[in-house]
Amino acid sequence: MANVTHSSTFPLDQDQNLWENLKTAIVDSSGFKRWQEEQISNESTQENNLDERVNSYLRETLEALAY
């Protein structure tokens, strides 16, 4: 298993800023909006915060692409 180290040239605040920008782009996408509408009946998804919903969306999307 590869070890992942965090480079000092890319501080954590830049990581957070990158994630926030990426999350905003994903949330604004039609694919995420459609996926979220499909998830409305699932109460546990509604209770998840935005980070968790985006992570779930990305995981499901990547699983579907890998299939």
PDB file of N, CA and C in Angstrom:
ATOM      1  N   MET A   1       0.841  -1.172   0.000  1.00  0.00           N
ATOM      2  CA  MET A   1       0.000   0.000   0.000  1.00  0.00           C
ATOM      3  C   MET A   1       0.888   1.237   0.000  1.00  0.00           C
ATOM      4  N   ALA A   2       0.576   2.181  -0.841  1.00  0.00           N
ATOM      5  CA  ALA A   2       1.380   3.391  -0.953  1.00  0.00           C
ATOM      6  C   ALA A   2       1.119   4.323   0.218  1.00  0.00           C
ATOM      7  N   ASN A   3       2.179   4.940   0.684  1.00  0.00           N
ATOM      8  CA  ASN A   3       2.042   5.948   1.733  1.00  0.00           C
ATOM      9  C   ASN A   3       1.769   7.290   1.094  1.00  0.00           C
ATOM     10  N   VAL A   4       0.801   7.980   1.616  1.00  0.00           N
ATOM     11  CA  VAL A   4       0.468   9.305   1.106  1.00  0.00           C
ATOM     12  C   VAL A   4       0.943  10.326   2.115  1.00  0.00           C
ATOM     13  N   THR A   5       1.767  11.233   1.662  1.00  0.00           N
ATOM     14  CA  THR A   5       2.241  12.296   2.543  1.00  0.00           C
ATOM     15  C   THR A   5       1.729  13.615   2.017  1.00  0.00           C
ATOM     16  N   HIS A   6       1.577  14.535   2.918  1.00  0.00           N
ATOM     17  CA  HIS A   6       1.058  15.838   2.553  1.00  0.00           C
ATOM     18  C   HIS A   6       2.229  16.786   2.316  1.00  0.00           C
ATOM     19  N   SER A   7       2.331  17.317   1.138  1.00  0.00           N
ATOM     20  CA  SER A   7       3.420  18.200   0.791  1.00  0.00           C
ATOM     21  C   SER A   7       3.284  19.538   1.508  1.00  0.00           C
ATOM     22  N   SER A   8       4.393  20.045   1.990  1.00  0.00           N
ATOM     23  CA  SER A   8       4.366  21.337   2.663  1.00  0.00           C
ATOM     24  C   SER A   8       4.126  22.473   1.677  1.00  0.00           C
ATOM     25  N   THR A   9       4.247  22.191   0.369  1.00  0.00           N
ATOM     26  CA  THR A   9       3.996  23.223  -0.629  1.00  0.00           C
ATOM     27  C   THR A   9       2.503  23.368  -0.935  1.00  0.00           C
ATOM     28  N   PHE A  10       1.690  22.494  -0.374  1.00  0.00           N
ATOM     29  CA  PHE A  10       0.246  22.550  -0.599  1.00  0.00           C
ATOM     30  C   PHE A  10      -0.455  22.422   0.746  1.00  0.00           C
ATOM     31  N   PRO A  11      -0.501  23.525   1.513  1.00  0.00           N
ATOM     32  CA  PRO A  11      -1.035  23.472   2.881  1.00  0.00           C
ATOM     33  C   PRO A  11      -2.494  23.031   2.958  1.00  0.00           C
ATOM     34  N   LEU A  12      -2.885  22.620   4.155  1.00  0.00           N
ATOM     35  CA  LEU A  12      -4.233  22.118   4.380  1.00  0.00           C
ATOM     36  C   LEU A  12      -5.312  23.133   4.032  1.00  0.00           C
ATOM     37  N   ASP A  13      -5.059  24.411   4.256  1.00  0.00           N
ATOM     38  CA  ASP A  13      -6.079  25.403   3.924  1.00  0.00           C
ATOM     39  C   ASP A  13      -6.323  25.454   2.420  1.00  0.00           C
ATOM     40  N   GLN A  14      -5.313  25.176   1.628  1.00  0.00           N
ATOM     41  CA  GLN A  14      -5.508  25.112   0.179  1.00  0.00           C
ATOM     42  C   GLN A  14      -6.298  23.867  -0.193  1.00  0.00           C
ATOM     43  N   ASP A  15      -6.058  22.759   0.520  1.00  0.00           N
ATOM     44  CA  ASP A  15      -6.843  21.547   0.302  1.00  0.00           C
ATOM     45  C   ASP A  15      -8.318  21.832   0.582  1.00  0.00           C
ATOM     46  N   GLN A  16      -8.584  22.501   1.695  1.00  0.00           N
ATOM     47  CA  GLN A  16      -9.963  22.816   2.077  1.00  0.00           C
ATOM     48  C   GLN A  16     -10.607  23.736   1.039  1.00  0.00           C
ATOM     49  N   ASN A  17      -9.868  24.712   0.567  1.00  0.00           N
ATOM     50  CA  ASN A  17     -10.387  25.630  -0.444  1.00  0.00           C
ATOM     51  C   ASN A  17     -10.688  24.882  -1.743  1.00  0.00           C
ATOM     52  N   LEU A  18      -9.798  23.976  -2.128  1.00  0.00           N
ATOM     53  CA  LEU A  18     -10.011  23.169  -3.330  1.00  0.00           C
ATOM     54  C   LEU A  18     -11.261  22.313  -3.186  1.00  0.00           C
ATOM     55  N   TRP A  19     -11.425  21.653  -2.010  1.00  0.00           N
ATOM     56  CA  TRP A  19     -12.604  20.819  -1.764  1.00  0.00           C
ATOM     57  C   TRP A  19     -13.875  21.654  -1.818  1.00  0.00           C
ATOM     58  N   GLU A  20     -13.873  22.840  -1.220  1.00  0.00           N
ATOM     59  CA  GLU A  20     -15.065  23.688  -1.226  1.00  0.00           C
ATOM     60  C   GLU A  20     -15.441  24.088  -2.652  1.00  0.00           C
ATOM     61  N   ASN A  21     -14.463  24.435  -3.470  1.00  0.00           N
ATOM     62  CA  ASN A  21     -14.737  24.792  -4.867  1.00  0.00           C
ATOM     63  C   ASN A  21     -15.254  23.592  -5.656  1.00  0.00           C
ATOM     64  N   LEU A  22     -14.646  22.437  -5.448  1.00  0.00           N
ATOM     65  CA  LEU A  22     -15.089  21.222  -6.134  1.00  0.00           C
ATOM     66  C   LEU A  22     -16.494  20.843  -5.693  1.00  0.00           C
ATOM     67  N   LYS A  23     -16.753  20.914  -4.395  1.00  0.00           N
ATOM     68  CA  LYS A  23     -18.071  20.575  -3.855  1.00  0.00           C
ATOM     69  C   LYS A  23     -19.138  21.504  -4.436  1.00  0.00           C
ATOM     70  N   THR A  24     -18.842  22.787  -4.538  1.00  0.00           N
ATOM     71  CA  THR A  24     -19.788  23.739  -5.111  1.00  0.00           C
ATOM     72  C   THR A  24     -20.105  23.387  -6.560  1.00  0.00           C
ATOM     73  N   ALA A  25     -19.087  23.046  -7.329  1.00  0.00           N
ATOM     74  CA  ALA A  25     -19.300  22.678  -8.733  1.00  0.00           C
ATOM     75  C   ALA A  25     -20.148  21.410  -8.841  1.00  0.00           C
ATOM     76  N   ILE A  26     -19.903  20.442  -7.966  1.00  0.00           N
ATOM     77  CA  ILE A  26     -20.662  19.189  -7.992  1.00  0.00           C
ATOM     78  C   ILE A  26     -22.112  19.444  -7.620  1.00  0.00           C
ATOM     79  N   VAL A  27     -22.336  20.210  -6.554  1.00  0.00           N
ATOM     80  CA  VAL A  27     -23.697  20.494  -6.082  1.00  0.00           C
ATOM     81  C   VAL A  27     -24.493  21.251  -7.143  1.00  0.00           C
ATOM     82  N   ASP A  28     -23.826  22.080  -7.931  1.00  0.00           N
ATOM     83  CA  ASP A  28     -24.507  22.842  -8.978  1.00  0.00           C
ATOM     84  C   ASP A  28     -24.763  22.030 -10.246  1.00  0.00           C
ATOM     85  N   SER A  29     -24.191  20.822 -10.326  1.00  0.00           N
ATOM     86  CA  SER A  29     -24.325  20.020 -11.545  1.00  0.00           C
ATOM     87  C   SER A  29     -25.707  19.375 -11.632  1.00  0.00           C
ATOM     88  N   SER A  30     -26.161  19.165 -12.851  1.00  0.00           N
ATOM     89  CA  SER A  30     -27.466  18.540 -13.059  1.00  0.00           C
ATOM     90  C   SER A  30     -27.462  17.089 -12.577  1.00  0.00           C
ATOM     91  N   GLY A  31     -26.335  16.407 -12.698  1.00  0.00           N
ATOM     92  CA  GLY A  31     -26.248  15.025 -12.246  1.00  0.00           C
ATOM     93  C   GLY A  31     -26.457  14.901 -10.747  1.00  0.00           C
ATOM     94  N   PHE A  32     -25.848  15.798  -9.983  1.00  0.00           N
ATOM     95  CA  PHE A  32     -26.017  15.760  -8.530  1.00  0.00           C
ATOM     96  C   PHE A  32     -27.452  16.102  -8.159  1.00  0.00           C
ATOM     97  N   LYS A  33     -28.016  17.093  -8.823  1.00  0.00           N
ATOM     98  CA  LYS A  33     -29.398  17.490  -8.513  1.00  0.00           C
ATOM     99  C   LYS A  33     -30.362  16.337  -8.784  1.00  0.00           C
ATOM    100  N   ARG A  34     -30.163  15.634  -9.896  1.00  0.00           N
ATOM    101  CA  ARG A  34     -31.000  14.483 -10.230  1.00  0.00           C
ATOM    102  C   ARG A  34     -30.815  13.375  -9.198  1.00  0.00           C
ATOM    103  N   TRP A  35     -29.563  13.092  -8.840  1.00  0.00           N
ATOM    104  CA  TRP A  35     -29.275  12.055  -7.852  1.00  0.00           C
ATOM    105  C   TRP A  35     -29.923  12.406  -6.510  1.00  0.00           C
ATOM    106  N   GLN A  36     -29.828  13.667  -6.122  1.00  0.00           N
ATOM    107  CA  GLN A  36     -30.388  14.080  -4.839  1.00  0.00           C
ATOM    108  C   GLN A  36     -31.910  13.932  -4.828  1.00  0.00           C
ATOM    109  N   GLU A  37     -32.569  14.248  -5.930  1.00  0.00           N
ATOM    110  CA  GLU A  37     -34.019  14.067  -6.017  1.00  0.00           C
ATOM    111  C   GLU A  37     -34.389  12.598  -5.856  1.00  0.00           C
ATOM    112  N   GLU A  38     -33.578  11.703  -6.413  1.00  0.00           N
ATOM    113  CA  GLU A  38     -33.824  10.267  -6.277  1.00  0.00           C
ATOM    114  C   GLU A  38     -33.629   9.810  -4.836  1.00  0.00           C
ATOM    115  N   GLN A  39     -32.812  10.513  -4.089  1.00  0.00           N
ATOM    116  CA  GLN A  39     -32.499  10.135  -2.718  1.00  0.00           C
ATOM    117  C   GLN A  39     -33.487  10.700  -1.700  1.00  0.00           C
ATOM    118  N   ILE A  40     -34.400  11.572  -2.119  1.00  0.00           N
ATOM    119  CA  ILE A  40     -35.308  12.253  -1.189  1.00  0.00           C
ATOM    120  C   ILE A  40     -36.093  11.271  -0.339  1.00  0.00           C
ATOM    121  N   SER A  41     -36.471  10.148  -0.905  1.00  0.00           N
ATOM    122  CA  SER A  41     -37.252   9.175  -0.144  1.00  0.00           C
ATOM    123  C   SER A  41     -36.411   8.486   0.932  1.00  0.00           C
ATOM    124  N   ASN A  42     -35.118   8.607   0.842  1.00  0.00           N
ATOM    125  CA  ASN A  42     -34.213   7.982   1.802  1.00  0.00           C
ATOM    126  C   ASN A  42     -33.913   8.983   2.921  1.00  0.00           C
ATOM    127  N   GLU A  43     -34.568   8.804   4.072  1.00  0.00           N
ATOM    128  CA  GLU A  43     -34.438   9.765   5.164  1.00  0.00           C
ATOM    129  C   GLU A  43     -33.005   9.924   5.644  1.00  0.00           C
ATOM    130  N   SER A  44     -32.218   8.851   5.633  1.00  0.00           N
ATOM    131  CA  SER A  44     -30.840   8.961   6.122  1.00  0.00           C
ATOM    132  C   SER A  44     -30.019   9.885   5.237  1.00  0.00           C
ATOM    133  N   THR A  45     -30.306   9.903   3.936  1.00  0.00           N
ATOM    134  CA  THR A  45     -29.596  10.807   3.041  1.00  0.00           C
ATOM    135  C   THR A  45     -29.968  12.242   3.334  1.00  0.00           C
ATOM    136  N   GLN A  46     -31.231  12.498   3.642  1.00  0.00           N
ATOM    137  CA  GLN A  46     -31.658  13.858   3.951  1.00  0.00           C
ATOM    138  C   GLN A  46     -30.973  14.381   5.200  1.00  0.00           C
ATOM    139  N   GLU A  47     -30.687  13.492   6.149  1.00  0.00           N
ATOM    140  CA  GLU A  47     -30.081  13.908   7.399  1.00  0.00           C
ATOM    141  C   GLU A  47     -28.582  14.148   7.250  1.00  0.00           C
ATOM    142  N   ASN A  48     -27.954  13.586   6.224  1.00  0.00           N
ATOM    143  CA  ASN A  48     -26.519  13.758   6.028  1.00  0.00           C
ATOM    144  C   ASN A  48     -26.208  15.200   5.670  1.00  0.00           C
ATOM    145  N   ASN A  49     -25.042  15.649   6.093  1.00  0.00           N
ATOM    146  CA  ASN A  49     -24.641  17.000   5.714  1.00  0.00           C
ATOM    147  C   ASN A  49     -24.185  17.005   4.254  1.00  0.00           C
ATOM    148  N   LEU A  50     -23.931  18.171   3.734  1.00  0.00           N
ATOM    149  CA  LEU A  50     -23.607  18.304   2.321  1.00  0.00           C
ATOM    150  C   LEU A  50     -22.349  17.535   1.948  1.00  0.00           C
ATOM    151  N   ASP A  51     -21.326  17.570   2.791  1.00  0.00           N
ATOM    152  CA  ASP A  51     -20.105  16.815   2.499  1.00  0.00           C
ATOM    153  C   ASP A  51     -20.407  15.336   2.343  1.00  0.00           C
ATOM    154  N   GLU A  52     -21.223  14.788   3.235  1.00  0.00           N
ATOM    155  CA  GLU A  52     -21.560  13.369   3.171  1.00  0.00           C
ATOM    156  C   GLU A  52     -22.374  13.041   1.926  1.00  0.00           C
ATOM    157  N   ARG A  53     -23.291  13.924   1.541  1.00  0.00           N
ATOM    158  CA  ARG A  53     -24.088  13.674   0.329  1.00  0.00           C
ATOM    159  C   ARG A  53     -23.211  13.716  -0.906  1.00  0.00           C
ATOM    160  N   VAL A  54     -22.288  14.689  -0.979  1.00  0.00           N
ATOM    161  CA  VAL A  54     -21.387  14.775  -2.130  1.00  0.00           C
ATOM    162  C   VAL A  54     -20.491  13.542  -2.172  1.00  0.00           C
ATOM    163  N   ASN A  55     -19.981  13.116  -1.025  1.00  0.00           N
ATOM    164  CA  ASN A  55     -19.155  11.907  -0.989  1.00  0.00           C
ATOM    165  C   ASN A  55     -19.942  10.693  -1.461  1.00  0.00           C
ATOM    166  N   SER A  56     -21.192  10.566  -1.030  1.00  0.00           N
ATOM    167  CA  SER A  56     -22.031   9.441  -1.466  1.00  0.00           C
ATOM    168  C   SER A  56     -22.266   9.496  -2.967  1.00  0.00           C
ATOM    169  N   TYR A  57     -22.555  10.672  -3.472  1.00  0.00           N
ATOM    170  CA  TYR A  57     -22.785  10.849  -4.911  1.00  0.00           C
ATOM    171  C   TYR A  57     -21.538  10.456  -5.697  1.00  0.00           C
ATOM    172  N   LEU A  58     -20.378  10.945  -5.268  1.00  0.00           N
ATOM    173  CA  LEU A  58     -19.139  10.621  -5.974  1.00  0.00           C
ATOM    174  C   LEU A  58     -18.841   9.128  -5.916  1.00  0.00           C
ATOM    175  N   ARG A  59     -19.040   8.502  -4.764  1.00  0.00           N
ATOM    176  CA  ARG A  59     -18.797   7.070  -4.612  1.00  0.00           C
ATOM    177  C   ARG A  59     -19.707   6.271  -5.541  1.00  0.00           C
ATOM    178  N   GLU A  60     -21.007   6.600  -5.544  1.00  0.00           N
ATOM    179  CA  GLU A  60     -21.943   5.877  -6.402  1.00  0.00           C
ATOM    180  C   GLU A  60     -21.638   6.098  -7.873  1.00  0.00           C
ATOM    181  N   THR A  61     -21.267   7.322  -8.230  1.00  0.00           N
ATOM    182  CA  THR A  61     -20.944   7.625  -9.622  1.00  0.00           C
ATOM    183  C   THR A  61     -19.705   6.849 -10.070  1.00  0.00           C
ATOM    184  N   LEU A  62     -18.678   6.837  -9.234  1.00  0.00           N
ATOM    185  CA  LEU A  62     -17.463   6.104  -9.590  1.00  0.00           C
ATOM    186  C   LEU A  62     -17.703   4.603  -9.644  1.00  0.00           C
ATOM    187  N   GLU A  63     -18.542   4.080  -8.747  1.00  0.00           N
ATOM    188  CA  GLU A  63     -18.880   2.656  -8.783  1.00  0.00           C
ATOM    189  C   GLU A  63     -19.602   2.318 -10.085  1.00  0.00           C
ATOM    190  N   ALA A  64     -20.509   3.192 -10.501  1.00  0.00           N
ATOM    191  CA  ALA A  64     -21.245   2.950 -11.740  1.00  0.00           C
ATOM    192  C   ALA A  64     -20.305   3.005 -12.939  1.00  0.00           C
ATOM    193  N   LEU A  65     -19.367   3.925 -12.930  1.00  0.00           N
ATOM    194  CA  LEU A  65     -18.409   4.031 -14.032  1.00  0.00           C
ATOM    195  C   LEU A  65     -17.477   2.821 -14.069  1.00  0.00           C
ATOM    196  N   ALA A  66     -17.134   2.300 -12.907  1.00  0.00           N
ATOM    197  CA  ALA A  66     -16.221   1.147 -12.838  1.00  0.00           C
ATOM    198  C   ALA A  66     -16.930  -0.128 -13.279  1.00  0.00           C
ATOM    199  N   TYR A  67     -18.243  -0.161 -13.158  1.00  0.00           N
ATOM    200  CA  TYR A  67     -19.014  -1.329 -13.521  1.00  0.00           C
ATOM    201  C   TYR A  67     -19.031  -1.466 -15.013  1.00  0.00           C
TER     202      TYR A  67
END
